[in-house]
C-alpha cells in the first residue's frame, strides 16, 4: 500500500511524505503507484517553479518527502494552492482505490 502523509501546521500544509508501493503490479507497471507519483511529482515541480525558494525534497525508491522552507505570505498562498490541489487528487485516488492508497493527515 502507498501511504501519503500530508503535514499541516495549523491550517497550513507544510509538506508531505510518500512511502511504500501499491503492490498491484510489478515496479514500472503499477498504475496506482504511477498515479500517486504523477500527482506528487507535479506538485513538487509546481513548488519549484512558482516559489521564490525551492522546497526541501528527497526522492528514492518507494519514498518521497517534500517540506516547505520559511516563506513569505505570497509564497505560502501559492504553495497552499498547489498542495491542497495535490491533496484533493490523492484523496480522490484513495476514495476510488482504498486497498492501494491511504492518505493520512499529520499536524504539528
N, C-alpha and C. Protein backbone atom coordinates (compact mmCIF):
# COMPACT_ATOMS: atom_id res chain seq x y z
N UNK A 1 0.84 -1.18 0.00
CA UNK A 1 0.00 0.00 0.00
C UNK A 1 0.89 1.24 0.00
N UNK A 2 0.48 2.24 -0.77
CA UNK A 2 1.15 3.53 -0.76
C UNK A 2 0.49 4.38 0.32
N UNK A 3 1.31 4.92 1.22
CA UNK A 3 0.80 5.82 2.25
C UNK A 3 1.35 7.21 2.01
N UNK A 4 0.47 8.19 2.03
CA UNK A 4 0.86 9.58 1.86
C UNK A 4 0.46 10.33 3.12
N UNK A 5 1.41 10.97 3.74
CA UNK A 5 1.12 11.79 4.92
C UNK A 5 1.25 13.25 4.50
N UNK A 6 0.15 13.98 4.60
CA UNK A 6 0.14 15.41 4.32
C UNK A 6 0.30 16.10 5.67
N UNK A 7 1.34 16.91 5.80
CA UNK A 7 1.67 17.52 7.09
C UNK A 7 1.18 18.97 7.15
N UNK A 8 0.51 19.27 8.24
CA UNK A 8 -0.06 20.59 8.48
C UNK A 8 0.58 21.24 9.71
N UNK A 9 0.66 22.55 9.67
CA UNK A 9 0.95 23.37 10.85
C UNK A 9 -0.25 24.30 10.97
N UNK A 10 -1.13 24.02 11.91
CA UNK A 10 -2.40 24.74 11.97
C UNK A 10 -3.21 24.38 10.74
N UNK A 11 -3.63 25.37 9.97
CA UNK A 11 -4.38 25.13 8.75
C UNK A 11 -3.54 25.18 7.49
N UNK A 12 -2.22 25.19 7.64
CA UNK A 12 -1.31 25.36 6.50
C UNK A 12 -0.57 24.06 6.22
N UNK A 13 -0.64 23.60 4.98
CA UNK A 13 0.13 22.42 4.57
C UNK A 13 1.59 22.83 4.48
N UNK A 14 2.46 22.09 5.18
CA UNK A 14 3.88 22.43 5.19
C UNK A 14 4.74 21.37 4.51
N UNK A 15 4.13 20.27 4.08
CA UNK A 15 4.90 19.25 3.40
C UNK A 15 4.12 17.96 3.26
N UNK A 16 4.78 16.97 2.70
CA UNK A 16 4.17 15.66 2.54
C UNK A 16 5.25 14.60 2.44
N UNK A 17 4.83 13.35 2.74
CA UNK A 17 5.72 12.21 2.64
C UNK A 17 4.96 11.07 2.00
N UNK A 18 5.58 10.41 1.04
CA UNK A 18 5.00 9.26 0.36
C UNK A 18 5.92 8.07 0.62
N UNK A 19 5.32 6.94 1.00
CA UNK A 19 6.15 5.75 1.18
C UNK A 19 5.38 4.49 0.81
N UNK A 20 6.13 3.53 0.35
CA UNK A 20 5.56 2.24 0.03
C UNK A 20 5.24 2.05 -1.44
N UNK A 21 4.73 0.88 -1.73
CA UNK A 21 4.33 0.51 -3.08
C UNK A 21 2.91 -0.06 -3.00
N UNK A 22 2.14 0.18 -4.03
CA UNK A 22 0.75 -0.30 -4.04
C UNK A 22 0.68 -1.82 -4.09
N UNK A 23 1.62 -2.44 -4.79
CA UNK A 23 1.62 -3.89 -4.87
C UNK A 23 0.62 -4.46 -5.87
N UNK A 24 0.05 -3.60 -6.69
CA UNK A 24 -0.91 -4.07 -7.68
C UNK A 24 -0.22 -4.80 -8.81
N UNK A 25 0.94 -4.29 -9.21
CA UNK A 25 1.67 -4.84 -10.36
C UNK A 25 3.16 -4.67 -10.07
N UNK A 26 4.00 -5.18 -10.93
CA UNK A 26 5.44 -5.06 -10.76
C UNK A 26 5.88 -3.60 -10.91
N UNK A 27 7.05 -3.31 -10.37
CA UNK A 27 7.61 -1.95 -10.45
C UNK A 27 7.68 -1.49 -11.91
N UNK A 28 7.25 -0.29 -12.15
CA UNK A 28 7.22 0.26 -13.51
C UNK A 28 5.93 -0.01 -14.24
N UNK A 29 5.10 -0.91 -13.71
CA UNK A 29 3.83 -1.26 -14.35
C UNK A 29 2.62 -1.04 -13.45
N UNK A 30 2.85 -0.48 -12.28
CA UNK A 30 1.79 -0.33 -11.29
C UNK A 30 1.06 0.99 -11.50
N UNK A 31 -0.17 0.93 -11.96
CA UNK A 31 -0.94 2.13 -12.29
C UNK A 31 -1.22 2.99 -11.05
N UNK A 32 -1.37 2.37 -9.89
CA UNK A 32 -1.67 3.14 -8.67
C UNK A 32 -0.44 3.90 -8.19
N UNK A 33 0.71 3.25 -8.20
CA UNK A 33 1.95 3.95 -7.88
C UNK A 33 2.22 5.07 -8.88
N UNK A 34 1.95 4.80 -10.14
CA UNK A 34 2.15 5.81 -11.17
C UNK A 34 1.25 7.02 -10.95
N UNK A 35 0.01 6.78 -10.56
CA UNK A 35 -0.92 7.89 -10.28
C UNK A 35 -0.44 8.75 -9.14
N UNK A 36 -0.02 8.12 -8.05
CA UNK A 36 0.50 8.86 -6.89
C UNK A 36 1.76 9.63 -7.28
N UNK A 37 2.65 8.98 -8.02
CA UNK A 37 3.89 9.64 -8.45
C UNK A 37 3.62 10.84 -9.35
N UNK A 38 2.65 10.70 -10.24
CA UNK A 38 2.32 11.81 -11.14
C UNK A 38 1.77 13.01 -10.36
N UNK A 39 0.89 12.75 -9.41
CA UNK A 39 0.29 13.84 -8.64
C UNK A 39 1.33 14.51 -7.75
N UNK A 40 2.10 13.72 -6.99
CA UNK A 40 3.07 14.32 -6.07
C UNK A 40 4.25 14.94 -6.82
N UNK A 41 4.67 14.30 -7.90
CA UNK A 41 5.76 14.87 -8.70
C UNK A 41 5.38 16.18 -9.34
N UNK A 42 4.15 16.28 -9.82
CA UNK A 42 3.68 17.53 -10.41
C UNK A 42 3.59 18.63 -9.35
N UNK A 43 3.16 18.28 -8.15
CA UNK A 43 3.13 19.26 -7.06
C UNK A 43 4.54 19.77 -6.76
N UNK A 44 5.52 18.88 -6.70
CA UNK A 44 6.90 19.28 -6.45
C UNK A 44 7.39 20.21 -7.56
N UNK A 45 7.13 19.87 -8.80
CA UNK A 45 7.53 20.73 -9.91
C UNK A 45 6.88 22.12 -9.79
N UNK A 46 5.59 22.14 -9.44
CA UNK A 46 4.89 23.42 -9.26
C UNK A 46 5.52 24.26 -8.16
N UNK A 47 5.87 23.63 -7.04
CA UNK A 47 6.52 24.37 -5.96
C UNK A 47 7.88 24.92 -6.41
N UNK A 48 8.64 24.11 -7.11
CA UNK A 48 9.96 24.55 -7.58
C UNK A 48 9.82 25.72 -8.57
N UNK A 49 8.81 25.67 -9.39
CA UNK A 49 8.63 26.68 -10.44
C UNK A 49 8.08 28.00 -9.90
N UNK A 50 7.19 27.94 -8.92
CA UNK A 50 6.43 29.13 -8.53
C UNK A 50 6.84 29.78 -7.21
N UNK A 51 7.69 29.14 -6.42
CA UNK A 51 8.10 29.73 -5.15
C UNK A 51 9.46 30.41 -5.30
N UNK A 52 9.68 31.45 -4.50
CA UNK A 52 10.96 32.16 -4.56
C UNK A 52 12.10 31.33 -3.96
N UNK A 53 11.77 30.39 -3.07
CA UNK A 53 12.74 29.46 -2.50
C UNK A 53 12.28 28.04 -2.77
N UNK A 54 13.15 27.18 -3.24
CA UNK A 54 12.71 25.82 -3.53
C UNK A 54 12.43 25.05 -2.24
N UNK A 55 11.54 24.07 -2.31
CA UNK A 55 11.30 23.23 -1.14
C UNK A 55 12.45 22.25 -0.94
N UNK A 56 12.57 21.76 0.28
CA UNK A 56 13.47 20.63 0.54
C UNK A 56 12.75 19.39 0.03
N UNK A 57 13.46 18.52 -0.68
CA UNK A 57 12.83 17.26 -1.09
C UNK A 57 13.87 16.16 -1.21
N UNK A 58 13.37 14.95 -1.09
CA UNK A 58 14.18 13.75 -1.25
C UNK A 58 13.32 12.72 -1.96
N UNK A 59 13.89 12.06 -2.95
CA UNK A 59 13.18 11.03 -3.70
C UNK A 59 14.09 9.82 -3.82
N UNK A 60 13.53 8.66 -3.46
CA UNK A 60 14.22 7.39 -3.70
C UNK A 60 13.15 6.33 -3.89
N UNK A 61 13.55 5.11 -4.17
CA UNK A 61 12.59 4.06 -4.46
C UNK A 61 11.61 3.88 -3.30
N UNK A 62 10.33 4.06 -3.60
CA UNK A 62 9.29 3.87 -2.60
C UNK A 62 9.21 4.97 -1.56
N UNK A 63 9.81 6.12 -1.82
CA UNK A 63 9.88 7.19 -0.82
C UNK A 63 9.99 8.55 -1.51
N UNK A 64 9.22 9.49 -1.02
CA UNK A 64 9.36 10.88 -1.45
C UNK A 64 8.97 11.74 -0.26
N UNK A 65 9.77 12.75 0.00
CA UNK A 65 9.44 13.69 1.06
C UNK A 65 9.66 15.10 0.54
N UNK A 66 8.77 16.00 0.91
CA UNK A 66 8.86 17.40 0.49
C UNK A 66 8.43 18.26 1.67
N UNK A 67 9.24 19.26 1.99
CA UNK A 67 8.91 20.20 3.06
C UNK A 67 9.16 21.62 2.57
N UNK A 68 8.27 22.51 2.96
CA UNK A 68 8.41 23.90 2.58
C UNK A 68 9.45 24.59 3.47
N UNK A 69 10.23 25.50 2.88
CA UNK A 69 11.10 26.34 3.70
C UNK A 69 10.27 27.46 4.33
N UNK A 70 10.90 28.33 5.09
CA UNK A 70 10.21 29.53 5.58
C UNK A 70 9.89 30.41 4.38
N UNK A 71 8.64 30.76 4.23
CA UNK A 71 8.19 31.51 3.06
C UNK A 71 7.45 32.77 3.48
N UNK A 72 7.44 33.76 2.58
CA UNK A 72 6.62 34.94 2.83
C UNK A 72 5.16 34.61 2.51
N UNK A 73 4.27 35.52 2.86
CA UNK A 73 2.82 35.27 2.73
C UNK A 73 2.42 34.97 1.29
N UNK A 74 3.02 35.65 0.33
CA UNK A 74 2.68 35.43 -1.08
C UNK A 74 3.04 34.00 -1.51
N UNK A 75 4.22 33.55 -1.12
CA UNK A 75 4.64 32.19 -1.47
C UNK A 75 3.83 31.14 -0.72
N UNK A 76 3.47 31.42 0.53
CA UNK A 76 2.63 30.48 1.27
C UNK A 76 1.30 30.28 0.56
N UNK A 77 0.71 31.38 0.07
CA UNK A 77 -0.55 31.27 -0.67
C UNK A 77 -0.39 30.42 -1.92
N UNK A 78 0.69 30.64 -2.66
CA UNK A 78 0.94 29.84 -3.86
C UNK A 78 1.11 28.36 -3.50
N UNK A 79 1.88 28.10 -2.45
CA UNK A 79 2.13 26.73 -2.04
C UNK A 79 0.84 26.03 -1.62
N UNK A 80 -0.04 26.76 -0.94
CA UNK A 80 -1.29 26.14 -0.49
C UNK A 80 -2.19 25.76 -1.66
N UNK A 81 -2.20 26.56 -2.70
CA UNK A 81 -2.99 26.22 -3.88
C UNK A 81 -2.45 24.92 -4.50
N UNK A 82 -1.14 24.84 -4.64
CA UNK A 82 -0.52 23.66 -5.24
C UNK A 82 -0.74 22.43 -4.35
N UNK A 83 -0.46 22.57 -3.06
CA UNK A 83 -0.51 21.41 -2.16
C UNK A 83 -1.93 20.96 -1.84
N UNK A 84 -2.87 21.89 -1.75
CA UNK A 84 -4.26 21.48 -1.50
C UNK A 84 -4.84 20.79 -2.72
N UNK A 85 -4.42 21.19 -3.91
CA UNK A 85 -4.84 20.50 -5.13
C UNK A 85 -4.25 19.09 -5.17
N UNK A 86 -2.98 18.97 -4.79
CA UNK A 86 -2.35 17.66 -4.70
C UNK A 86 -3.12 16.77 -3.72
N UNK A 87 -3.42 17.31 -2.54
CA UNK A 87 -4.14 16.54 -1.53
C UNK A 87 -5.50 16.09 -2.06
N UNK A 88 -6.22 16.97 -2.74
CA UNK A 88 -7.53 16.60 -3.28
C UNK A 88 -7.40 15.47 -4.30
N UNK A 89 -6.40 15.52 -5.16
CA UNK A 89 -6.18 14.45 -6.13
C UNK A 89 -5.85 13.12 -5.47
N UNK A 90 -5.02 13.16 -4.43
CA UNK A 90 -4.66 11.94 -3.71
C UNK A 90 -5.85 11.36 -2.96
N UNK A 91 -6.65 12.21 -2.33
CA UNK A 91 -7.84 11.74 -1.63
C UNK A 91 -8.82 11.11 -2.61
N UNK A 92 -8.93 11.68 -3.80
CA UNK A 92 -9.80 11.10 -4.82
C UNK A 92 -9.31 9.70 -5.21
N UNK A 93 -8.00 9.53 -5.38
CA UNK A 93 -7.45 8.20 -5.66
C UNK A 93 -7.76 7.24 -4.52
N UNK A 94 -7.56 7.70 -3.29
CA UNK A 94 -7.85 6.86 -2.12
C UNK A 94 -9.31 6.45 -2.07
N UNK A 95 -10.20 7.38 -2.35
CA UNK A 95 -11.63 7.08 -2.31
C UNK A 95 -12.01 6.00 -3.32
N UNK A 96 -11.32 6.00 -4.46
CA UNK A 96 -11.63 5.03 -5.52
C UNK A 96 -10.87 3.72 -5.38
N UNK A 97 -9.69 3.77 -4.73
CA UNK A 97 -8.84 2.58 -4.63
C UNK A 97 -8.27 2.44 -3.22
N UNK A 98 -9.12 2.32 -2.20
CA UNK A 98 -8.65 2.31 -0.82
C UNK A 98 -7.75 1.12 -0.45
N UNK A 99 -7.79 0.08 -1.23
CA UNK A 99 -6.94 -1.07 -0.94
C UNK A 99 -5.49 -0.83 -1.35
N UNK A 100 -5.23 0.24 -2.13
CA UNK A 100 -3.88 0.52 -2.62
C UNK A 100 -3.29 1.83 -2.12
N UNK A 101 -4.13 2.79 -1.72
CA UNK A 101 -3.67 4.15 -1.39
C UNK A 101 -4.33 4.61 -0.10
N UNK A 102 -3.51 5.16 0.80
CA UNK A 102 -4.01 5.70 2.07
C UNK A 102 -3.42 7.09 2.27
N UNK A 103 -4.29 8.09 2.46
CA UNK A 103 -3.85 9.45 2.74
C UNK A 103 -4.08 9.72 4.22
N UNK A 104 -3.03 10.14 4.89
CA UNK A 104 -3.07 10.46 6.31
C UNK A 104 -2.81 11.95 6.50
N UNK A 105 -3.42 12.54 7.50
CA UNK A 105 -3.20 13.94 7.82
C UNK A 105 -2.39 14.00 9.10
N UNK A 106 -1.28 14.73 9.07
CA UNK A 106 -0.45 14.93 10.25
C UNK A 106 -0.45 16.39 10.65
N UNK A 107 -0.46 16.63 11.92
CA UNK A 107 -0.45 18.00 12.44
C UNK A 107 0.72 18.17 13.40
N UNK A 108 1.29 19.37 13.38
CA UNK A 108 2.35 19.69 14.34
C UNK A 108 1.75 20.12 15.65
